[in-house]
């Protein structure tokens, strides 16, 4: 009976702690995930949120120069959620990992406000270099499933990285990146809606082919 009460008490403490301390992350989930039904379901079952709770604690402890424990928390969270976030990375408010399995965020990664990552995303390095070796992700960026962003590069604000893209160069703001290696195209120069339909992403190669086809039709018409 005492063990049951301890378990219930721990669950209630966790619910209150997350509800109070992670308001921005919870808000991001409800804004961007139509499957989010209620607070209890999100707090207790969303692996992306659970990984973020572990990250915030580990990052805080790392800031206190506590050895070993932050990485242990990070690895335990990876075991539970399938999401690996290094406690040395810096993540701002409104961060949302949808589904999350296979997400990797490296030690020197910097992530801005209101960023969304889908499953299988890697924010990694390109070698054994020291110092800043992982990406910097701007505000309001969406990174599609399976995308790889590698090295000390910057993804500009309001950009979208398409599913399975491999990005190894800087991306200007308000851009879409698709393909391997990543190719940059403007998304009509507009801020990208976080609920972007992944099917309708501008592909620079297809755009070029369409333009060539239009030119051929005009030439044939002459």
N, C-alpha and C. Protein backbone atom coordinates (compact mmCIF):
# COMPACT_ATOMS: atom_id res chain seq x y z
N UNK A 1 0.83 -1.21 0.00
CA UNK A 1 0.00 0.00 0.00
C UNK A 1 0.87 1.26 0.00
N UNK A 2 1.92 1.24 0.85
CA UNK A 2 2.81 2.39 0.92
C UNK A 2 3.50 2.64 -0.41
N UNK A 3 3.91 1.55 -1.09
CA UNK A 3 4.57 1.68 -2.39
C UNK A 3 3.63 2.29 -3.41
N UNK A 4 2.36 1.87 -3.38
CA UNK A 4 1.35 2.40 -4.29
C UNK A 4 1.16 3.89 -4.07
N UNK A 5 1.10 4.30 -2.81
CA UNK A 5 0.94 5.73 -2.49
C UNK A 5 2.14 6.54 -2.97
N UNK A 6 3.34 5.96 -2.83
CA UNK A 6 4.55 6.65 -3.29
C UNK A 6 4.51 6.83 -4.80
N UNK A 7 4.09 5.77 -5.52
CA UNK A 7 4.01 5.84 -6.98
C UNK A 7 3.00 6.90 -7.42
N UNK A 8 1.82 6.88 -6.77
CA UNK A 8 0.78 7.86 -7.11
C UNK A 8 1.27 9.27 -6.81
N UNK A 9 1.94 9.44 -5.67
CA UNK A 9 2.47 10.75 -5.30
C UNK A 9 3.51 11.24 -6.29
N UNK A 10 4.37 10.33 -6.74
CA UNK A 10 5.41 10.69 -7.71
C UNK A 10 4.78 11.11 -9.04
N UNK A 11 3.75 10.39 -9.48
CA UNK A 11 3.06 10.73 -10.73
C UNK A 11 2.39 12.10 -10.62
N UNK A 12 1.74 12.35 -9.49
CA UNK A 12 1.08 13.65 -9.30
C UNK A 12 2.10 14.78 -9.28
N UNK A 13 3.22 14.55 -8.61
CA UNK A 13 4.28 15.56 -8.57
C UNK A 13 4.81 15.84 -9.97
N UNK A 14 5.01 14.80 -10.76
CA UNK A 14 5.51 14.96 -12.13
C UNK A 14 4.51 15.75 -12.96
N UNK A 15 3.21 15.44 -12.84
CA UNK A 15 2.18 16.14 -13.61
C UNK A 15 2.19 17.64 -13.28
N UNK A 16 2.22 17.96 -11.99
CA UNK A 16 2.21 19.36 -11.56
C UNK A 16 3.49 20.06 -12.00
N UNK A 17 4.63 19.39 -11.83
CA UNK A 17 5.92 19.97 -12.21
C UNK A 17 5.96 20.32 -13.69
N UNK A 18 5.52 19.40 -14.53
CA UNK A 18 5.54 19.63 -15.98
C UNK A 18 4.54 20.71 -16.36
N UNK A 19 3.34 20.66 -15.78
CA UNK A 19 2.31 21.64 -16.11
C UNK A 19 2.74 23.06 -15.77
N UNK A 20 3.49 23.22 -14.68
CA UNK A 20 3.93 24.54 -14.24
C UNK A 20 5.20 24.98 -14.96
N UNK A 21 6.14 24.06 -15.13
CA UNK A 21 7.47 24.43 -15.63
C UNK A 21 7.61 24.37 -17.15
N UNK A 22 6.68 23.73 -17.83
CA UNK A 22 6.83 23.52 -19.27
C UNK A 22 5.61 24.05 -20.04
N UNK A 23 5.14 25.20 -19.62
CA UNK A 23 3.95 25.78 -20.23
C UNK A 23 4.14 26.04 -21.73
N UNK A 24 5.29 26.58 -22.11
CA UNK A 24 5.53 26.91 -23.52
C UNK A 24 5.62 25.66 -24.38
N UNK A 25 6.27 24.61 -23.86
CA UNK A 25 6.39 23.37 -24.61
C UNK A 25 5.03 22.68 -24.74
N UNK A 26 4.24 22.73 -23.68
CA UNK A 26 2.88 22.17 -23.73
C UNK A 26 2.02 22.93 -24.73
N UNK A 27 2.13 24.25 -24.70
CA UNK A 27 1.36 25.06 -25.65
C UNK A 27 1.73 24.72 -27.08
N UNK A 28 3.03 24.51 -27.33
CA UNK A 28 3.49 24.17 -28.67
C UNK A 28 2.89 22.84 -29.14
N UNK A 29 2.80 21.89 -28.24
CA UNK A 29 2.24 20.59 -28.60
C UNK A 29 0.78 20.73 -29.01
N UNK A 30 0.00 21.45 -28.24
CA UNK A 30 -1.42 21.59 -28.55
C UNK A 30 -1.66 22.42 -29.81
N UNK A 31 -0.75 23.34 -30.10
CA UNK A 31 -0.88 24.15 -31.31
C UNK A 31 -0.54 23.36 -32.57
N UNK A 32 0.42 22.43 -32.47
CA UNK A 32 0.97 21.79 -33.67
C UNK A 32 0.58 20.34 -33.86
N UNK A 33 0.00 19.71 -32.85
CA UNK A 33 -0.36 18.30 -32.99
C UNK A 33 -1.86 18.11 -32.83
N UNK A 34 -2.56 17.83 -33.92
CA UNK A 34 -4.01 17.64 -33.83
C UNK A 34 -4.41 16.42 -33.02
N UNK A 35 -3.46 15.52 -32.77
CA UNK A 35 -3.77 14.31 -31.99
C UNK A 35 -3.72 14.56 -30.49
N UNK A 36 -3.24 15.73 -30.07
CA UNK A 36 -3.15 16.03 -28.64
C UNK A 36 -4.55 16.23 -28.07
N UNK A 37 -4.97 15.31 -27.21
CA UNK A 37 -6.35 15.32 -26.73
C UNK A 37 -6.53 16.11 -25.43
N UNK A 38 -5.65 15.89 -24.46
CA UNK A 38 -5.79 16.56 -23.18
C UNK A 38 -4.43 16.60 -22.47
N UNK A 39 -4.35 17.40 -21.41
CA UNK A 39 -3.09 17.61 -20.72
C UNK A 39 -2.53 16.32 -20.14
N UNK A 40 -3.36 15.53 -19.50
CA UNK A 40 -2.87 14.31 -18.88
C UNK A 40 -2.25 13.37 -19.91
N UNK A 41 -2.92 13.21 -21.04
CA UNK A 41 -2.39 12.33 -22.08
C UNK A 41 -1.04 12.83 -22.58
N UNK A 42 -0.94 14.14 -22.82
CA UNK A 42 0.30 14.72 -23.34
C UNK A 42 1.43 14.58 -22.31
N UNK A 43 1.16 14.93 -21.07
CA UNK A 43 2.20 14.91 -20.04
C UNK A 43 2.70 13.49 -19.76
N UNK A 44 1.79 12.53 -19.79
CA UNK A 44 2.16 11.17 -19.39
C UNK A 44 2.60 10.28 -20.54
N UNK A 45 2.25 10.62 -21.78
CA UNK A 45 2.52 9.68 -22.88
C UNK A 45 3.37 10.24 -24.02
N UNK A 46 3.60 11.54 -24.09
CA UNK A 46 4.34 12.11 -25.22
C UNK A 46 5.84 12.01 -24.98
N UNK A 47 6.49 11.16 -25.75
CA UNK A 47 7.92 10.92 -25.55
C UNK A 47 8.75 12.17 -25.80
N UNK A 48 8.34 13.02 -26.75
CA UNK A 48 9.08 14.25 -27.01
C UNK A 48 9.09 15.16 -25.80
N UNK A 49 7.96 15.29 -25.12
CA UNK A 49 7.88 16.11 -23.92
C UNK A 49 8.70 15.49 -22.79
N UNK A 50 8.61 14.18 -22.64
CA UNK A 50 9.38 13.50 -21.59
C UNK A 50 10.88 13.68 -21.81
N UNK A 51 11.31 13.61 -23.07
CA UNK A 51 12.73 13.83 -23.37
C UNK A 51 13.14 15.25 -23.03
N UNK A 52 12.23 16.21 -23.27
CA UNK A 52 12.54 17.60 -22.96
C UNK A 52 12.63 17.83 -21.45
N UNK A 53 11.77 17.18 -20.69
CA UNK A 53 11.84 17.31 -19.23
C UNK A 53 13.20 16.82 -18.74
N UNK A 54 13.61 15.66 -19.23
CA UNK A 54 14.92 15.11 -18.85
C UNK A 54 16.04 16.03 -19.29
N UNK A 55 15.93 16.58 -20.51
CA UNK A 55 16.97 17.49 -21.01
C UNK A 55 17.08 18.73 -20.14
N UNK A 56 15.94 19.36 -19.81
CA UNK A 56 15.98 20.60 -19.02
C UNK A 56 16.67 20.35 -17.67
N UNK A 57 16.37 19.22 -17.05
CA UNK A 57 16.99 18.89 -15.76
C UNK A 57 18.48 18.65 -15.94
N UNK A 58 18.85 17.86 -16.96
CA UNK A 58 20.26 17.56 -17.21
C UNK A 58 21.04 18.82 -17.57
N UNK A 59 20.42 19.69 -18.37
CA UNK A 59 21.08 20.94 -18.77
C UNK A 59 21.31 21.83 -17.56
N UNK A 60 20.34 21.89 -16.66
CA UNK A 60 20.48 22.68 -15.43
C UNK A 60 21.63 22.15 -14.58
N UNK A 61 21.68 20.84 -14.41
CA UNK A 61 22.74 20.23 -13.59
C UNK A 61 24.11 20.44 -14.22
N UNK A 62 24.17 20.38 -15.55
CA UNK A 62 25.44 20.62 -16.25
C UNK A 62 25.91 22.05 -16.01
N UNK A 63 24.95 22.99 -15.98
CA UNK A 63 25.30 24.38 -15.71
C UNK A 63 25.88 24.57 -14.31
N UNK A 64 25.55 23.67 -13.40
CA UNK A 64 26.11 23.70 -12.05
C UNK A 64 27.45 22.97 -11.96
N UNK A 65 27.96 22.52 -13.12
CA UNK A 65 29.25 21.81 -13.20
C UNK A 65 29.23 20.47 -12.47
N UNK A 66 28.04 19.87 -12.38
CA UNK A 66 27.95 18.54 -11.77
C UNK A 66 28.38 17.50 -12.79
N UNK A 67 29.37 16.69 -12.47
CA UNK A 67 29.88 15.71 -13.45
C UNK A 67 28.99 14.48 -13.55
N UNK A 68 29.06 13.81 -14.67
CA UNK A 68 28.49 12.48 -14.91
C UNK A 68 26.95 12.43 -14.90
N UNK A 69 26.33 12.99 -13.85
CA UNK A 69 24.89 12.86 -13.68
C UNK A 69 24.09 13.39 -14.87
N UNK A 70 24.44 14.58 -15.44
CA UNK A 70 23.67 15.05 -16.60
C UNK A 70 23.67 14.06 -17.77
N UNK A 71 24.83 13.47 -18.09
CA UNK A 71 24.89 12.49 -19.17
C UNK A 71 24.13 11.22 -18.82
N UNK A 72 24.15 10.84 -17.56
CA UNK A 72 23.41 9.66 -17.14
C UNK A 72 21.91 9.88 -17.34
N UNK A 73 21.42 11.07 -16.97
CA UNK A 73 20.02 11.41 -17.17
C UNK A 73 19.68 11.40 -18.66
N UNK A 74 20.58 11.97 -19.47
CA UNK A 74 20.38 12.01 -20.92
C UNK A 74 20.28 10.61 -21.51
N UNK A 75 21.16 9.73 -21.09
CA UNK A 75 21.16 8.36 -21.63
C UNK A 75 19.96 7.57 -21.14
N UNK A 76 19.53 7.81 -19.92
CA UNK A 76 18.32 7.15 -19.40
C UNK A 76 17.10 7.60 -20.19
N UNK A 77 17.03 8.91 -20.49
CA UNK A 77 15.92 9.43 -21.29
C UNK A 77 15.95 8.84 -22.70
N UNK A 78 17.14 8.68 -23.26
CA UNK A 78 17.28 8.04 -24.57
C UNK A 78 16.74 6.61 -24.53
N UNK A 79 17.05 5.88 -23.48
CA UNK A 79 16.56 4.51 -23.33
C UNK A 79 15.04 4.46 -23.26
N UNK A 80 14.44 5.44 -22.57
CA UNK A 80 12.98 5.45 -22.39
C UNK A 80 12.24 5.96 -23.63
N UNK A 81 12.82 6.94 -24.32
CA UNK A 81 12.06 7.65 -25.37
C UNK A 81 12.58 7.43 -26.78
N UNK A 82 13.83 6.97 -26.92
CA UNK A 82 14.43 6.86 -28.25
C UNK A 82 14.93 8.19 -28.78
N UNK A 83 14.97 9.21 -27.92
CA UNK A 83 15.40 10.56 -28.29
C UNK A 83 16.66 10.90 -27.50
N UNK A 84 17.72 11.30 -28.20
CA UNK A 84 18.98 11.64 -27.53
C UNK A 84 19.25 13.14 -27.65
N UNK A 85 19.20 13.83 -26.53
CA UNK A 85 19.50 15.26 -26.48
C UNK A 85 20.68 15.46 -25.54
N UNK A 86 21.78 15.92 -26.07
CA UNK A 86 22.95 16.15 -25.22
C UNK A 86 22.66 17.29 -24.25
N UNK A 87 23.00 17.12 -22.98
CA UNK A 87 22.70 18.18 -21.99
C UNK A 87 23.45 19.48 -22.26
N UNK A 88 24.48 19.44 -23.11
CA UNK A 88 25.21 20.67 -23.43
C UNK A 88 24.54 21.52 -24.48
N UNK A 89 23.57 20.98 -25.21
CA UNK A 89 22.87 21.76 -26.23
C UNK A 89 22.02 22.84 -25.58
N UNK A 90 21.65 23.85 -26.39
CA UNK A 90 20.84 24.96 -25.86
C UNK A 90 19.55 25.06 -26.66
N UNK A 91 18.43 24.90 -25.97
CA UNK A 91 17.12 24.86 -26.61
C UNK A 91 16.21 25.90 -25.95
N UNK A 92 15.63 26.76 -26.77
CA UNK A 92 14.76 27.82 -26.24
C UNK A 92 13.31 27.34 -26.11
N UNK A 93 12.39 28.27 -26.00
CA UNK A 93 11.00 27.95 -25.68
C UNK A 93 10.21 27.44 -26.88
N UNK A 94 9.10 26.77 -26.59
CA UNK A 94 8.18 26.35 -27.63
C UNK A 94 8.72 25.24 -28.51
N UNK A 95 9.60 24.41 -27.99
CA UNK A 95 10.21 23.33 -28.77
C UNK A 95 9.29 22.12 -28.78
N UNK A 96 9.15 21.50 -29.96
CA UNK A 96 8.24 20.36 -30.09
C UNK A 96 8.89 19.27 -30.94
N UNK A 97 8.99 18.06 -30.37
CA UNK A 97 9.45 16.89 -31.11
C UNK A 97 8.24 16.01 -31.34
N UNK A 98 7.84 15.87 -32.59
CA UNK A 98 6.66 15.07 -32.92
C UNK A 98 7.08 13.62 -33.18
N UNK A 99 6.44 12.69 -32.50
CA UNK A 99 6.77 11.25 -32.53
C UNK A 99 8.15 11.02 -31.89
N UNK A 100 9.21 11.51 -32.52
CA UNK A 100 10.49 11.61 -31.83
C UNK A 100 11.48 10.47 -31.96
N UNK A 101 11.04 9.27 -32.23
CA UNK A 101 11.97 8.14 -32.24
C UNK A 101 13.14 8.42 -33.20
N UNK A 102 14.36 8.23 -32.69
CA UNK A 102 15.55 8.40 -33.52
C UNK A 102 16.09 9.81 -33.62
N UNK A 103 15.50 10.76 -32.91
CA UNK A 103 16.01 12.14 -32.94
C UNK A 103 17.32 12.22 -32.15
N UNK A 104 18.33 12.89 -32.73
CA UNK A 104 19.62 13.08 -32.08
C UNK A 104 19.98 14.56 -32.15
N UNK A 105 20.30 15.15 -31.00
CA UNK A 105 20.69 16.56 -30.92
C UNK A 105 22.05 16.64 -30.25
N UNK A 106 23.06 17.12 -30.98
CA UNK A 106 24.44 17.13 -30.51
C UNK A 106 24.74 18.18 -29.47
N UNK A 107 25.92 18.06 -28.90
CA UNK A 107 26.34 18.84 -27.73
C UNK A 107 26.30 20.34 -27.94
N UNK A 108 26.78 20.84 -29.08
CA UNK A 108 26.89 22.30 -29.27
C UNK A 108 25.76 22.85 -30.14
N UNK A 109 24.70 22.08 -30.29
CA UNK A 109 23.53 22.55 -31.04
C UNK A 109 22.85 23.70 -30.30
N UNK A 110 22.40 24.70 -31.06
CA UNK A 110 21.60 25.80 -30.51
C UNK A 110 20.28 25.82 -31.27
N UNK A 111 19.18 25.82 -30.56
CA UNK A 111 17.84 25.78 -31.17
C UNK A 111 17.04 26.98 -30.67
N UNK A 112 16.47 27.74 -31.61
CA UNK A 112 15.72 28.94 -31.28
C UNK A 112 14.31 28.65 -30.78
N UNK A 113 13.49 29.68 -30.76
CA UNK A 113 12.12 29.56 -30.28
C UNK A 113 11.20 28.91 -31.32
N UNK A 114 10.23 28.14 -30.83
CA UNK A 114 9.16 27.59 -31.66
C UNK A 114 9.67 26.73 -32.82
N UNK A 115 10.58 25.84 -32.51
CA UNK A 115 11.13 24.91 -33.50
C UNK A 115 10.43 23.56 -33.39
N UNK A 116 10.19 22.94 -34.53
CA UNK A 116 9.55 21.62 -34.57
C UNK A 116 10.46 20.62 -35.28
N UNK A 117 10.69 19.48 -34.65
CA UNK A 117 11.44 18.39 -35.26
C UNK A 117 10.53 17.17 -35.37
N UNK A 118 10.63 16.46 -36.48
CA UNK A 118 9.91 15.20 -36.64
C UNK A 118 10.86 14.03 -36.42
N UNK A 119 10.33 12.82 -36.44
CA UNK A 119 11.12 11.65 -36.08
C UNK A 119 12.32 11.45 -37.01
N UNK A 120 13.38 10.89 -36.44
CA UNK A 120 14.55 10.56 -37.22
C UNK A 120 15.46 11.71 -37.58
N UNK A 121 15.23 12.88 -37.01
CA UNK A 121 16.06 14.06 -37.32
C UNK A 121 17.40 13.97 -36.57
N UNK A 122 18.48 14.32 -37.26
CA UNK A 122 19.80 14.39 -36.64
C UNK A 122 20.35 15.80 -36.77
N UNK A 123 20.70 16.39 -35.65
CA UNK A 123 21.41 17.66 -35.62
C UNK A 123 22.81 17.32 -35.11
N UNK A 124 23.71 17.00 -36.05
CA UNK A 124 24.98 16.40 -35.67
C UNK A 124 26.19 17.13 -36.18
N UNK A 125 27.36 16.56 -35.89
CA UNK A 125 28.62 17.11 -36.34
C UNK A 125 29.11 16.39 -37.59
N UNK A 126 30.25 16.82 -38.08
CA UNK A 126 30.81 16.23 -39.30
C UNK A 126 32.18 15.60 -39.06
N UNK A 127 32.67 15.61 -37.85
CA UNK A 127 33.99 15.05 -37.59
C UNK A 127 34.35 15.15 -36.12
N UNK A 128 35.64 15.18 -35.84
CA UNK A 128 36.12 15.20 -34.47
C UNK A 128 36.63 16.57 -34.06
N UNK A 129 36.23 17.60 -34.81
CA UNK A 129 36.68 18.95 -34.48
C UNK A 129 36.15 19.38 -33.11
N UNK A 130 36.88 20.30 -32.48
CA UNK A 130 36.50 20.82 -31.16
C UNK A 130 35.67 22.09 -31.32
N UNK A 131 35.13 22.56 -30.22
CA UNK A 131 34.37 23.81 -30.24
C UNK A 131 32.99 23.63 -30.84
N UNK A 132 32.47 24.69 -31.44
CA UNK A 132 31.13 24.67 -32.03
C UNK A 132 31.15 23.79 -33.27
N UNK A 133 30.50 22.66 -33.22
CA UNK A 133 30.55 21.70 -34.32
C UNK A 133 29.19 21.16 -34.72
N UNK A 134 28.15 21.71 -34.12
CA UNK A 134 26.78 21.29 -34.44
C UNK A 134 25.96 22.49 -34.93
N UNK A 135 24.80 22.25 -35.51
CA UNK A 135 24.04 23.35 -36.14
C UNK A 135 23.45 24.35 -35.16
N UNK A 136 23.15 25.52 -35.71
CA UNK A 136 22.35 26.52 -35.03
C UNK A 136 21.05 26.65 -35.81
N UNK A 137 19.93 26.39 -35.13
CA UNK A 137 18.61 26.40 -35.77
C UNK A 137 17.89 27.67 -35.33
N UNK A 138 17.44 28.46 -36.30
CA UNK A 138 16.76 29.72 -35.98
C UNK A 138 15.37 29.53 -35.43
N UNK A 139 14.64 30.63 -35.28
CA UNK A 139 13.28 30.61 -34.75
C UNK A 139 12.28 30.12 -35.81
N UNK A 140 11.23 29.46 -35.36
CA UNK A 140 10.11 29.05 -36.23
C UNK A 140 10.55 28.14 -37.37
N UNK A 141 11.51 27.27 -37.11
CA UNK A 141 12.00 26.34 -38.12
C UNK A 141 11.31 24.99 -37.96
N UNK A 142 10.99 24.36 -39.10
CA UNK A 142 10.41 23.02 -39.11
C UNK A 142 11.40 22.09 -39.83
N UNK A 143 11.72 20.97 -39.18
CA UNK A 143 12.65 19.99 -39.76
C UNK A 143 11.89 18.69 -39.96
N UNK A 144 11.75 18.27 -41.23
CA UNK A 144 10.95 17.10 -41.57
C UNK A 144 11.60 15.78 -41.17
N UNK A 145 10.81 14.73 -41.20
CA UNK A 145 11.23 13.40 -40.76
C UNK A 145 12.47 12.92 -41.50
N UNK A 146 13.44 12.42 -40.73
CA UNK A 146 14.63 11.83 -41.32
C UNK A 146 15.68 12.80 -41.82
N UNK A 147 15.45 14.10 -41.66
CA UNK A 147 16.42 15.08 -42.16
C UNK A 147 17.69 15.07 -41.31
N UNK A 148 18.82 15.36 -41.96
CA UNK A 148 20.11 15.42 -41.28
C UNK A 148 20.70 16.81 -41.51
N UNK A 149 20.97 17.52 -40.44
CA UNK A 149 21.61 18.84 -40.50
C UNK A 149 22.94 18.70 -39.79
N UNK A 150 24.03 18.85 -40.54
CA UNK A 150 25.34 18.46 -40.02
C UNK A 150 26.35 19.60 -40.06
N UNK A 151 27.10 19.74 -38.98
CA UNK A 151 28.18 20.70 -38.93
C UNK A 151 27.78 22.02 -38.31
N UNK A 152 28.75 22.91 -38.19
CA UNK A 152 28.54 24.23 -37.61
C UNK A 152 27.94 25.17 -38.65
N UNK A 153 26.67 24.93 -38.97
CA UNK A 153 25.96 25.74 -39.96
C UNK A 153 24.73 26.35 -39.30
N UNK A 154 24.13 27.31 -40.01
CA UNK A 154 22.96 28.02 -39.47
C UNK A 154 21.77 27.82 -40.40
N UNK A 155 20.65 27.45 -39.81
CA UNK A 155 19.38 27.39 -40.53
C UNK A 155 18.60 28.64 -40.15
N UNK A 156 18.33 29.50 -41.13
CA UNK A 156 17.70 30.79 -40.85
C UNK A 156 16.28 30.68 -40.35
N UNK A 157 15.80 31.75 -39.74
CA UNK A 157 14.44 31.81 -39.20
C UNK A 157 13.40 31.47 -40.26
N UNK A 158 12.31 30.86 -39.81
CA UNK A 158 11.13 30.61 -40.64
C UNK A 158 11.41 29.68 -41.82
N UNK A 159 12.40 28.81 -41.67
CA UNK A 159 12.75 27.90 -42.77
C UNK A 159 12.17 26.52 -42.55
N UNK A 160 12.11 25.76 -43.65
CA UNK A 160 11.61 24.38 -43.60
C UNK A 160 12.64 23.46 -44.24
N UNK A 161 13.04 22.42 -43.52
CA UNK A 161 13.95 21.40 -44.04
C UNK A 161 13.11 20.17 -44.36
N UNK A 162 13.08 19.79 -45.63
CA UNK A 162 12.22 18.70 -46.07
C UNK A 162 12.64 17.35 -45.52
N UNK A 163 11.73 16.41 -45.55
CA UNK A 163 11.98 15.06 -45.06
C UNK A 163 13.16 14.44 -45.80
N UNK A 164 14.08 13.83 -45.03
CA UNK A 164 15.25 13.10 -45.54
C UNK A 164 16.29 13.99 -46.23
N UNK A 165 16.14 15.29 -46.14
CA UNK A 165 17.17 16.18 -46.69
C UNK A 165 18.46 16.05 -45.88
N UNK A 166 19.59 16.26 -46.54
CA UNK A 166 20.89 16.30 -45.86
C UNK A 166 21.48 17.69 -46.09
N UNK A 167 21.58 18.46 -45.02
CA UNK A 167 21.97 19.87 -45.12
C UNK A 167 23.35 20.05 -44.50
N UNK A 168 24.30 20.57 -45.28
CA UNK A 168 25.66 20.77 -44.79
C UNK A 168 26.16 22.20 -45.05
N UNK A 169 25.25 23.07 -45.51
CA UNK A 169 25.59 24.47 -45.75
C UNK A 169 24.53 25.37 -45.12
N UNK A 170 24.92 26.62 -44.86
CA UNK A 170 23.99 27.59 -44.27
C UNK A 170 22.74 27.74 -45.13
N UNK A 171 21.63 27.99 -44.45
CA UNK A 171 20.35 28.20 -45.13
C UNK A 171 19.83 29.58 -44.74
N UNK A 172 19.52 30.44 -45.72
CA UNK A 172 19.01 31.78 -45.39
C UNK A 172 17.60 31.70 -44.81
N UNK A 173 17.14 32.77 -44.16
CA UNK A 173 15.78 32.78 -43.60
C UNK A 173 14.72 32.61 -44.69
N UNK A 174 13.55 32.12 -44.28
CA UNK A 174 12.39 31.99 -45.16
C UNK A 174 12.65 31.08 -46.36
N UNK A 175 13.39 30.01 -46.13
CA UNK A 175 13.74 29.11 -47.23
C UNK A 175 13.21 27.71 -46.99
N UNK A 176 13.15 26.95 -48.08
CA UNK A 176 12.88 25.53 -48.00
C UNK A 176 14.10 24.79 -48.52
N UNK A 177 14.48 23.71 -47.85
CA UNK A 177 15.63 22.90 -48.27
C UNK A 177 15.14 21.49 -48.52
N UNK A 178 15.47 20.93 -49.69
CA UNK A 178 15.07 19.56 -50.01
C UNK A 178 16.24 18.83 -50.66
N UNK A 179 16.22 17.50 -50.60
CA UNK A 179 17.15 16.70 -51.36
C UNK A 179 18.44 16.36 -50.65
N UNK A 180 19.27 15.55 -51.36
CA UNK A 180 20.58 15.12 -50.88
C UNK A 180 21.62 15.40 -51.96
N UNK A 181 22.56 16.31 -51.75
CA UNK A 181 22.61 17.24 -50.61
C UNK A 181 21.50 18.27 -50.70
N UNK A 182 21.24 18.96 -49.62
CA UNK A 182 20.13 19.89 -49.57
C UNK A 182 20.25 21.01 -50.58
N UNK A 183 19.15 21.27 -51.28
CA UNK A 183 19.07 22.37 -52.24
C UNK A 183 18.06 23.38 -51.72
N UNK A 184 18.39 24.65 -51.85
CA UNK A 184 17.61 25.71 -51.23
C UNK A 184 16.65 26.34 -52.24
N UNK A 185 15.43 26.53 -51.80
CA UNK A 185 14.46 27.27 -52.60
C UNK A 185 13.65 28.15 -51.66
N UNK A 186 13.23 29.28 -52.14
CA UNK A 186 12.39 30.15 -51.34
C UNK A 186 10.97 29.61 -51.32
N UNK A 187 10.34 29.68 -50.17
CA UNK A 187 8.94 29.30 -50.05
C UNK A 187 8.11 30.55 -50.27
N UNK A 188 8.20 31.12 -51.47
CA UNK A 188 7.48 32.33 -51.84
C UNK A 188 7.81 33.50 -50.93
N UNK A 189 9.00 33.45 -50.31
CA UNK A 189 9.44 34.55 -49.47
C UNK A 189 8.60 34.78 -48.24
N UNK A 190 7.82 33.78 -47.82
CA UNK A 190 6.90 33.95 -46.69
C UNK A 190 7.33 33.07 -45.53
N UNK A 191 6.89 33.48 -44.35
CA UNK A 191 7.09 32.65 -43.17
C UNK A 191 6.32 31.36 -43.36
N UNK A 192 6.93 30.24 -43.01
CA UNK A 192 6.30 28.93 -43.21
C UNK A 192 5.39 28.60 -42.05
N UNK A 193 4.19 28.18 -42.37
CA UNK A 193 3.24 27.74 -41.36
C UNK A 193 3.76 26.46 -40.73
N UNK A 194 3.78 26.41 -39.39
CA UNK A 194 4.30 25.24 -38.70
C UNK A 194 3.49 23.99 -39.03
N UNK A 195 2.23 24.16 -39.40
CA UNK A 195 1.40 23.01 -39.77
C UNK A 195 1.52 22.71 -41.26
N UNK A 196 2.68 23.04 -41.85
CA UNK A 196 2.90 22.88 -43.28
C UNK A 196 2.57 21.47 -43.75
N UNK A 197 1.86 21.38 -44.86
CA UNK A 197 1.58 20.10 -45.51
C UNK A 197 2.87 19.62 -46.16
N UNK A 198 3.42 18.51 -45.68
CA UNK A 198 4.72 18.04 -46.17
C UNK A 198 4.67 17.62 -47.63
N UNK A 199 3.49 17.38 -48.16
CA UNK A 199 3.38 16.95 -49.55
C UNK A 199 3.67 18.10 -50.50
N UNK A 200 3.27 19.31 -50.11
CA UNK A 200 3.38 20.46 -51.00
C UNK A 200 4.59 21.31 -50.62
N UNK A 201 5.76 20.80 -50.93
CA UNK A 201 7.01 21.50 -50.67
C UNK A 201 7.67 21.82 -51.99
N UNK A 202 8.11 23.06 -52.15
CA UNK A 202 8.73 23.46 -53.40
C UNK A 202 10.08 22.76 -53.59
N UNK A 203 10.26 22.11 -54.73
CA UNK A 203 11.50 21.44 -55.07
C UNK A 203 12.18 22.22 -56.18
N UNK A 204 13.42 22.74 -55.97
CA UNK A 204 14.06 23.58 -56.98
C UNK A 204 14.29 22.86 -58.30
N UNK A 205 14.56 21.58 -58.27
CA UNK A 205 14.77 20.83 -59.52
C UNK A 205 13.47 20.74 -60.31
N UNK A 206 12.38 20.42 -59.62
CA UNK A 206 11.09 20.34 -60.30
C UNK A 206 10.67 21.71 -60.80
N UNK A 207 10.99 22.75 -60.05
CA UNK A 207 10.67 24.11 -60.49
C UNK A 207 11.39 24.41 -61.80
N UNK A 208 12.68 24.06 -61.87
CA UNK A 208 13.47 24.30 -63.07
C UNK A 208 12.91 23.52 -64.26
N UNK A 209 12.55 22.26 -64.03
CA UNK A 209 11.99 21.44 -65.10
C UNK A 209 10.66 22.00 -65.60
N UNK A 210 9.83 22.46 -64.67
CA UNK A 210 8.55 23.06 -65.06
C UNK A 210 8.77 24.32 -65.89
N UNK A 211 9.77 25.12 -65.48
CA UNK A 211 10.06 26.34 -66.24
C UNK A 211 10.56 26.00 -67.65
N UNK A 212 11.40 24.98 -67.77
CA UNK A 212 11.89 24.54 -69.08
C UNK A 212 10.75 24.04 -69.96
N UNK A 213 9.82 23.32 -69.34
CA UNK A 213 8.66 22.81 -70.08
C UNK A 213 7.81 23.96 -70.61
N UNK A 214 7.63 24.98 -69.78
CA UNK A 214 6.86 26.15 -70.21
C UNK A 214 7.54 26.86 -71.38
N UNK A 215 8.88 26.96 -71.31
CA UNK A 215 9.63 27.61 -72.40
C UNK A 215 9.51 26.82 -73.72
N UNK A 216 9.58 25.48 -73.58
CA UNK A 216 9.45 24.63 -74.77
C UNK A 216 8.08 24.79 -75.41
N UNK A 217 7.04 24.88 -74.58
CA UNK A 217 5.69 25.05 -75.10
C UNK A 217 5.58 26.39 -75.84
N UNK A 218 6.20 27.43 -75.28
CA UNK A 218 6.16 28.74 -75.92
C UNK A 218 6.91 28.72 -77.24
N UNK A 219 8.07 28.04 -77.26
CA UNK A 219 8.84 27.93 -78.50
C UNK A 219 8.08 27.15 -79.56
N UNK A 220 7.44 26.06 -79.16
CA UNK A 220 6.65 25.26 -80.09
C UNK A 220 5.47 26.06 -80.63
N UNK A 221 4.91 26.92 -79.78
CA UNK A 221 3.80 27.75 -80.20
C UNK A 221 4.19 28.78 -81.25
N UNK A 222 5.46 29.21 -81.20
CA UNK A 222 5.94 30.15 -82.19
C UNK A 222 6.21 29.46 -83.54
